[in-house]
PDB file of N, CA and C in Angstrom:
ATOM      1  N   MET A   1     229.243 109.485-139.785  1.00  0.00           N
ATOM      2  CA  MET A   1     228.665 109.763-138.673  1.00  0.00           C
ATOM      3  C   MET A   1     227.521 111.121-138.373  1.00  0.00           C
ATOM      4  N   ASP A   2     228.126 111.918-139.472  1.00  0.00           N
ATOM      5  CA  ASP A   2     227.276 113.037-139.696  1.00  0.00           C
ATOM      6  C   ASP A   2     225.712 112.568-140.245  1.00  0.00           C
ATOM      7  N   ALA A   3     225.699 111.740-141.268  1.00  0.00           N
ATOM      8  CA  ALA A   3     224.434 111.217-141.533  1.00  0.00           C
ATOM      9  C   ALA A   3     223.510 110.487-140.311  1.00  0.00           C
ATOM     10  N   LEU A   4     224.697 109.850-139.824  1.00  0.00           N
ATOM     11  CA  LEU A   4     223.719 108.780-138.392  1.00  0.00           C
ATOM     12  C   LEU A   4     222.996 109.981-137.645  1.00  0.00           C
ATOM     13  N   GLN A   5     224.158 111.504-137.339  1.00  0.00           N
ATOM     14  CA  GLN A   5     223.463 111.950-136.200  1.00  0.00           C
ATOM     15  C   GLN A   5     222.287 113.124-136.791  1.00  0.00           C
ATOM     16  N   LYS A   6     222.495 113.148-137.967  1.00  0.00           N
ATOM     17  CA  LYS A   6     221.190 113.610-138.618  1.00  0.00           C
ATOM     18  C   LYS A   6     220.000 112.958-138.853  1.00  0.00           C
ATOM     19  N   ASP A   7     220.054 111.772-139.395  1.00  0.00           N
ATOM     20  CA  ASP A   7     218.854 110.428-138.819  1.00  0.00           C
ATOM     21  C   ASP A   7     218.686 110.272-137.681  1.00  0.00           C
ATOM     22  N   TRP A   8     219.334 110.312-136.635  1.00  0.00           N
ATOM     23  CA  TRP A   8     219.030 110.253-135.220  1.00  0.00           C
ATOM     24  C   TRP A   8     217.822 111.442-134.938  1.00  0.00           C
ATOM     25  N   THR A   9     218.811 112.461-135.335  1.00  0.00           N
ATOM     26  CA  THR A   9     217.764 113.554-134.451  1.00  0.00           C
ATOM     27  C   THR A   9     216.405 113.933-135.519  1.00  0.00           C
ATOM     28  N   PHE A  10     216.117 113.252-136.542  1.00  0.00           N
ATOM     29  CA  PHE A  10     215.061 113.472-137.357  1.00  0.00           C
ATOM     30  C   PHE A  10     213.840 112.311-136.433  1.00  0.00           C
ATOM     31  N   THR A  11     214.544 111.437-136.438  1.00  0.00           N
ATOM     32  CA  THR A  11     213.433 109.894-135.938  1.00  0.00           C
ATOM     33  C   THR A  11     213.441 110.594-134.156  1.00  0.00           C
ATOM     34  N   ARG A  12     214.517 111.077-133.583  1.00  0.00           N
ATOM     35  CA  ARG A  12     213.960 111.226-132.509  1.00  0.00           C
ATOM     36  C   ARG A  12     212.816 112.382-132.267  1.00  0.00           C
ATOM     37  N   GLN A  13     212.917 113.643-133.157  1.00  0.00           N
ATOM     38  CA  GLN A  13     212.185 114.391-133.145  1.00  0.00           C
ATOM     39  C   GLN A  13     210.683 114.393-133.502  1.00  0.00           C
ATOM     40  N   LEU A  14     210.324 113.089-134.305  1.00  0.00           N
ATOM     41  CA  LEU A  14     209.134 112.051-134.404  1.00  0.00           C
ATOM     42  C   LEU A  14     208.662 111.699-133.110  1.00  0.00           C
ATOM     43  N   THR A  15     209.420 111.113-132.675  1.00  0.00           N
ATOM     44  CA  THR A  15     209.040 110.744-131.204  1.00  0.00           C
ATOM     45  C   THR A  15     208.465 112.021-130.287  1.00  0.00           C
ATOM     46  N   VAL A  16     209.281 112.722-129.816  1.00  0.00           N
ATOM     47  CA  VAL A  16     209.304 114.244-129.355  1.00  0.00           C
ATOM     48  C   VAL A  16     207.782 114.705-130.020  1.00  0.00           C
ATOM     49  N   ASP A  17     207.622 114.933-131.036  1.00  0.00           N
ATOM     50  CA  ASP A  17     206.461 115.048-131.853  1.00  0.00           C
ATOM     51  C   ASP A  17     205.146 114.460-131.273  1.00  0.00           C
ATOM     52  N   LEU A  18     205.246 113.080-131.629  1.00  0.00           N
ATOM     53  CA  LEU A  18     204.202 112.163-131.045  1.00  0.00           C
ATOM     54  C   LEU A  18     203.773 112.535-129.443  1.00  0.00           C
ATOM     55  N   LEU A  19     204.984 112.284-128.804  1.00  0.00           N
ATOM     56  CA  LEU A  19     204.469 112.838-127.273  1.00  0.00           C
ATOM     57  C   LEU A  19     204.043 114.042-126.819  1.00  0.00           C
ATOM     58  N   ASP A  20     204.450 115.068-127.982  1.00  0.00           N
ATOM     59  CA  ASP A  20     203.833 116.344-127.836  1.00  0.00           C
ATOM     60  C   ASP A  20     202.279 116.170-128.267  1.00  0.00           C
ATOM     61  N   ALA A  21     201.790 115.564-128.841  1.00  0.00           N
ATOM     62  CA  ALA A  21     200.462 115.340-129.828  1.00  0.00           C
ATOM     63  C   ALA A  21     199.520 114.532-128.873  1.00  0.00           C
ATOM     64  N   CYS A  22     199.831 113.884-127.369  1.00  0.00           N
ATOM     65  CA  CYS A  22     199.677 112.832-126.716  1.00  0.00           C
ATOM     66  C   CYS A  22     198.484 113.464-125.857  1.00  0.00           C
ATOM     67  N   SER A  23     197.641 113.156-125.649  1.00  0.00           N
ATOM     68  CA  SER A  23     196.756 113.846-124.211  1.00  0.00           C
ATOM     69  C   SER A  23     197.146 113.064-123.054  1.00  0.00           C
ATOM     70  N   GLN A  24     196.428 113.244-122.046  1.00  0.00           N
ATOM     71  CA  GLN A  24     196.769 112.275-120.832  1.00  0.00           C
ATOM     72  C   GLN A  24     196.204 110.926-120.874  1.00  0.00           C
ATOM     73  N   GLY A  25     195.035 111.294-121.422  1.00  0.00           N
ATOM     74  CA  GLY A  25     194.412 110.104-121.776  1.00  0.00           C
ATOM     75  C   GLY A  25     194.739 108.928-122.803  1.00  0.00           C
ATOM     76  N   ASP A  26     195.804 109.435-123.949  1.00  0.00           N
ATOM     77  CA  ASP A  26     196.309 108.801-124.584  1.00  0.00           C
ATOM     78  C   ASP A  26     197.392 108.418-124.207  1.00  0.00           C
ATOM     79  N   LEU A  27     198.280 108.871-122.954  1.00  0.00           N
ATOM     80  CA  LEU A  27     199.775 108.138-122.448  1.00  0.00           C
ATOM     81  C   LEU A  27     198.570 107.203-121.787  1.00  0.00           C
ATOM     82  N   ASP A  28     197.652 107.400-121.203  1.00  0.00           N
ATOM     83  CA  ASP A  28     197.103 106.118-120.267  1.00  0.00           C
ATOM     84  C   ASP A  28     196.864 105.286-120.629  1.00  0.00           C
ATOM     85  N   PHE A  29     196.792 105.211-122.247  1.00  0.00           N
ATOM     86  CA  PHE A  29     195.791 104.210-122.616  1.00  0.00           C
ATOM     87  C   PHE A  29     196.914 103.122-123.258  1.00  0.00           C
ATOM     88  N   ALA A  30     196.561 101.301-122.629  1.00  0.00           N
ATOM     89  CA  ALA A  30     197.472 100.452-123.104  1.00  0.00           C
ATOM     90  C   ALA A  30     196.775  99.689-123.945  1.00  0.00           C
ATOM     91  N   LEU A  31     197.684  98.897-125.004  1.00  0.00           N
ATOM     92  CA  LEU A  31     196.605  98.328-126.115  1.00  0.00           C
ATOM     93  C   LEU A  31     196.319  97.023-125.538  1.00  0.00           C
ATOM     94  N   ASN A  32     196.756  96.500-124.807  1.00  0.00           N
ATOM     95  CA  ASN A  32     196.048  95.174-124.264  1.00  0.00           C
ATOM     96  C   ASN A  32     196.823  95.024-122.401  1.00  0.00           C
ATOM     97  N   SER A  33     196.465  93.936-122.004  1.00  0.00           N
ATOM     98  CA  SER A  33     196.759  93.641-120.428  1.00  0.00           C
ATOM     99  C   SER A  33     198.243  93.352-120.399  1.00  0.00           C
ATOM    100  N   HIS A  34     198.680  93.078-121.783  1.00  0.00           N
ATOM    101  CA  HIS A  34     199.875  92.462-121.478  1.00  0.00           C
ATOM    102  C   HIS A  34     200.834  93.427-121.803  1.00  0.00           C
ATOM    103  N   CYS A  35     200.700  94.614-122.165  1.00  0.00           N
ATOM    104  CA  CYS A  35     201.402  95.761-122.337  1.00  0.00           C
ATOM    105  C   CYS A  35     201.083  96.800-121.566  1.00  0.00           C
ATOM    106  N   GLY A  36     202.444  97.971-121.084  1.00  0.00           N
ATOM    107  CA  GLY A  36     201.595  98.902-120.386  1.00  0.00           C
ATOM    108  C   GLY A  36     201.773 100.126-120.873  1.00  0.00           C
ATOM    109  N   PRO A  37     201.182 101.169-120.124  1.00  0.00           N
ATOM    110  CA  PRO A  37     200.637 102.051-120.957  1.00  0.00           C
ATOM    111  C   PRO A  37     201.365 102.624-122.060  1.00  0.00           C
ATOM    112  N   LEU A  38     200.935 103.725-122.616  1.00  0.00           N
ATOM    113  CA  LEU A  38     201.813 104.434-123.307  1.00  0.00           C
ATOM    114  C   LEU A  38     203.227 105.023-122.749  1.00  0.00           C
ATOM    115  N   TRP A  39     202.756 106.117-121.519  1.00  0.00           N
ATOM    116  CA  TRP A  39     203.793 106.510-121.189  1.00  0.00           C
ATOM    117  C   TRP A  39     204.576 105.777-120.605  1.00  0.00           C
ATOM    118  N   LYS A  40     204.685 104.467-120.213  1.00  0.00           N
ATOM    119  CA  LYS A  40     205.579 103.382-119.962  1.00  0.00           C
ATOM    120  C   LYS A  40     206.510 103.410-121.155  1.00  0.00           C
ATOM    121  N   GLN A  41     205.830 103.362-122.225  1.00  0.00           N
ATOM    122  CA  GLN A  41     206.871 102.978-123.491  1.00  0.00           C
ATOM    123  C   GLN A  41     207.846 103.941-123.841  1.00  0.00           C
ATOM    124  N   PHE A  42     206.921 105.228-123.694  1.00  0.00           N
ATOM    125  CA  PHE A  42     207.682 106.672-123.875  1.00  0.00           C
ATOM    126  C   PHE A  42     208.922 106.459-123.069  1.00  0.00           C
ATOM    127  N   ARG A  43     208.749 106.125-121.610  1.00  0.00           N
ATOM    128  CA  ARG A  43     210.011 106.163-120.567  1.00  0.00           C
ATOM    129  C   ARG A  43     210.838 104.866-120.996  1.00  0.00           C
ATOM    130  N   HIS A  44     210.092 103.699-121.416  1.00  0.00           N
ATOM    131  CA  HIS A  44     211.455 103.025-122.348  1.00  0.00           C
ATOM    132  C   HIS A  44     212.344 103.330-123.160  1.00  0.00           C
ATOM    133  N   MET A  45     211.481 104.038-123.862  1.00  0.00           N
ATOM    134  CA  MET A  45     212.278 105.085-125.227  1.00  0.00           C
ATOM    135  C   MET A  45     213.149 105.683-124.355  1.00  0.00           C
ATOM    136  N   GLY A  46     213.086 106.660-123.265  1.00  0.00           N
ATOM    137  CA  GLY A  46     213.904 107.230-122.867  1.00  0.00           C
ATOM    138  C   GLY A  46     215.125 106.984-121.936  1.00  0.00           C
ATOM    139  N   ARG A  47     214.778 105.243-121.399  1.00  0.00           N
ATOM    140  CA  ARG A  47     215.927 104.963-120.677  1.00  0.00           C
ATOM    141  C   ARG A  47     216.836 104.158-121.538  1.00  0.00           C
ATOM    142  N   VAL A  48     216.353 103.295-122.895  1.00  0.00           N
ATOM    143  CA  VAL A  48     217.344 102.898-123.754  1.00  0.00           C
ATOM    144  C   VAL A  48     218.491 104.072-124.409  1.00  0.00           C
ATOM    145  N   HIS A  49     217.526 105.435-124.515  1.00  0.00           N
ATOM    146  CA  HIS A  49     218.042 106.315-125.429  1.00  0.00           C
ATOM    147  C   HIS A  49     219.419 106.851-124.517  1.00  0.00           C
ATOM    148  N   GLU A  50     219.595 106.840-123.256  1.00  0.00           N
ATOM    149  CA  GLU A  50     220.397 107.102-121.963  1.00  0.00           C
ATOM    150  C   GLU A  50     221.164 106.162-122.042  1.00  0.00           C
ATOM    151  N   ASN A  51     220.675 104.833-121.699  1.00  0.00           N
ATOM    152  CA  ASN A  51     221.978 103.969-121.959  1.00  0.00           C
ATOM    153  C   ASN A  51     222.648 103.540-122.926  1.00  0.00           C
ATOM    154  N   TYR A  52     222.515 104.355-124.252  1.00  0.00           N
ATOM    155  CA  TYR A  52     223.239 104.261-125.782  1.00  0.00           C
ATOM    156  C   TYR A  52     224.146 105.396-125.392  1.00  0.00           C
ATOM    157  N   LEU A  53     223.728 106.718-124.934  1.00  0.00           N
ATOM    158  CA  LEU A  53     224.240 107.373-125.035  1.00  0.00           C
ATOM    159  C   LEU A  53     225.748 107.644-123.844  1.00  0.00           C
ATOM    160  N   SER A  54     225.149 107.035-123.068  1.00  0.00           N
ATOM    161  CA  SER A  54     226.242 106.857-121.689  1.00  0.00           C
ATOM    162  C   SER A  54     227.191 105.561-122.198  1.00  0.00           C
ATOM    163  N   ALA A  55     226.674 104.506-123.021  1.00  0.00           N
ATOM    164  CA  ALA A  55     227.573 103.264-123.740  1.00  0.00           C
ATOM    165  C   ALA A  55     228.803 104.590-124.924  1.00  0.00           C
ATOM    166  N   LEU A  56     228.466 104.978-125.759  1.00  0.00           N
ATOM    167  CA  LEU A  56     228.941 105.783-126.421  1.00  0.00           C
ATOM    168  C   LEU A  56     230.179 106.400-125.786  1.00  0.00           C
ATOM    169  N   LYS A  57     229.808 107.323-124.483  1.00  0.00           N
ATOM    170  CA  LYS A  57     230.904 107.869-123.724  1.00  0.00           C
ATOM    171  C   LYS A  57     232.081 107.062-122.840  1.00  0.00           C
ATOM    172  N   THR A  58     230.943 105.720-122.254  1.00  0.00           N
ATOM    173  CA  THR A  58     232.002 105.090-121.577  1.00  0.00           C
ATOM    174  C   THR A  58     232.655 103.608-122.393  1.00  0.00           C
ATOM    175  N   GLY A  59     232.120 103.129-123.216  1.00  0.00           N
ATOM    176  CA  GLY A  59     232.418 101.748-123.797  1.00  0.00           C
ATOM    177  C   GLY A  59     231.656 100.878-123.404  1.00  0.00           C
ATOM    178  N   GLN A  60     230.834 101.123-122.221  1.00  0.00           N
ATOM    179  CA  GLN A  60     229.939  99.677-121.900  1.00  0.00           C
ATOM    180  C   GLN A  60     228.650  99.990-121.894  1.00  0.00           C
ATOM    181  N   VAL A  61     227.702  99.090-122.234  1.00  0.00           N
ATOM    182  CA  VAL A  61     226.124  99.217-122.115  1.00  0.00           C
ATOM    183  C   VAL A  61     225.722  98.659-120.973  1.00  0.00           C
ATOM    184  N   ASN A  62     224.704  99.549-120.135  1.00  0.00           N
ATOM    185  CA  ASN A  62     224.512  99.299-119.008  1.00  0.00           C
ATOM    186  C   ASN A  62     222.925  99.234-119.192  1.00  0.00           C
ATOM    187  N   PHE A  63     222.063  98.426-119.123  1.00  0.00           N
ATOM    188  CA  PHE A  63     220.622  98.240-119.237  1.00  0.00           C
ATOM    189  C   PHE A  63     219.835  98.352-117.585  1.00  0.00           C
ATOM    190  N   ASP A  64     220.472  98.632-116.474  1.00  0.00           N
ATOM    191  CA  ASP A  64     220.135  98.395-115.346  1.00  0.00           C
ATOM    192  C   ASP A  64     219.053  99.461-115.085  1.00  0.00           C
ATOM    193  N   PRO A  65     217.757  99.519-115.064  1.00  0.00           N
ATOM    194  CA  PRO A  65     216.645 100.825-114.845  1.00  0.00           C
ATOM    195  C   PRO A  65     217.006 101.652-113.625  1.00  0.00           C
ATOM    196  N   ALA A  66     217.799 100.972-113.010  1.00  0.00           N
ATOM    197  CA  ALA A  66     218.055 101.850-111.338  1.00  0.00           C
ATOM    198  C   ALA A  66     219.103 102.873-111.733  1.00  0.00           C
ATOM    199  N   ASP A  67     219.757 102.730-113.048  1.00  0.00           N
ATOM    200  CA  ASP A  67     220.808 103.789-113.168  1.00  0.00           C
ATOM    201  C   ASP A  67     220.223 105.158-114.138  1.00  0.00           C
ATOM    202  N   GLY A  68     218.563 105.059-114.607  1.00  0.00           N
ATOM    203  CA  GLY A  68     218.006 105.694-115.480  1.00  0.00           C
ATOM    204  C   GLY A  68     217.890 106.953-114.555  1.00  0.00           C
ATOM    205  N   SER A  69     217.442 108.086-115.064  1.00  0.00           N
ATOM    206  CA  SER A  69     217.289 109.375-114.543  1.00  0.00           C
ATOM    207  C   SER A  69     215.907 109.820-114.270  1.00  0.00           C
ATOM    208  N   TYR A  70     214.882 109.021-115.040  1.00  0.00           N
ATOM    209  CA  TYR A  70     213.748 109.342-114.925  1.00  0.00           C
ATOM    210  C   TYR A  70     213.297 109.214-113.982  1.00  0.00           C
ATOM    211  N   ALA A  71     212.406 110.005-112.937  1.00  0.00           N
ATOM    212  CA  ALA A  71     212.053 109.545-111.762  1.00  0.00           C
ATOM    213  C   ALA A  71     210.404 110.503-111.964  1.00  0.00           C
ATOM    214  N   GLY A  72     209.781 110.679-112.902  1.00  0.00           N
ATOM    215  CA  GLY A  72     208.457 111.674-112.879  1.00  0.00           C
ATOM    216  C   GLY A  72     207.340 110.642-113.117  1.00  0.00           C
ATOM    217  N   LYS A  73     206.276 111.203-113.344  1.00  0.00           N
ATOM    218  CA  LYS A  73     205.019 110.428-113.297  1.00  0.00           C
ATOM    219  C   LYS A  73     204.545 110.076-115.023  1.00  0.00           C
ATOM    220  N   ALA A  74     203.260 109.579-114.937  1.00  0.00           N
ATOM    221  CA  ALA A  74     202.595 109.668-116.275  1.00  0.00           C
ATOM    222  C   ALA A  74     202.353 111.106-117.354  1.00  0.00           C
ATOM    223  N   SER A  75     203.160 111.693-116.888  1.00  0.00           N
ATOM    224  CA  SER A  75     203.057 113.227-117.617  1.00  0.00           C
ATOM    225  C   SER A  75     204.001 113.354-118.567  1.00  0.00           C
ATOM    226  N   ALA A  76     202.961 113.851-119.580  1.00  0.00           N
ATOM    227  CA  ALA A  76     204.004 114.335-120.829  1.00  0.00           C
ATOM    228  C   ALA A  76     205.194 115.270-120.433  1.00  0.00           C
ATOM    229  N   LYS A  77     204.600 115.947-119.270  1.00  0.00           N
ATOM    230  CA  LYS A  77     205.910 117.120-119.239  1.00  0.00           C
ATOM    231  C   LYS A  77     207.144 116.269-118.321  1.00  0.00           C
ATOM    232  N   TYR A  78     207.077 115.260-117.545  1.00  0.00           N
ATOM    233  CA  TYR A  78     207.995 114.469-117.061  1.00  0.00           C
ATOM    234  C   TYR A  78     208.900 113.565-118.301  1.00  0.00           C
ATOM    235  N   LEU A  79     208.002 113.096-118.985  1.00  0.00           N
ATOM    236  CA  LEU A  79     208.825 112.113-120.378  1.00  0.00           C
ATOM    237  C   LEU A  79     209.484 112.906-121.183  1.00  0.00           C
TER     238      LEU A  79
END
């Protein structure tokens, strides 16, 4: 479990570093009309992270977006 935690921490930090490097224009960018902007992709990663942390505590996985804690906007400070 320690190796898993170490790998997860490293990978999570890469995501945080990428988010920190993005300008507002970067966060507003979408690859095409079928994909949401990058800020929504980061929001999704955060929600999935919350879902799995909750599942580890409760033994149940719940992917209901209404249960997420994110209430911010398209700003890196909220993401």
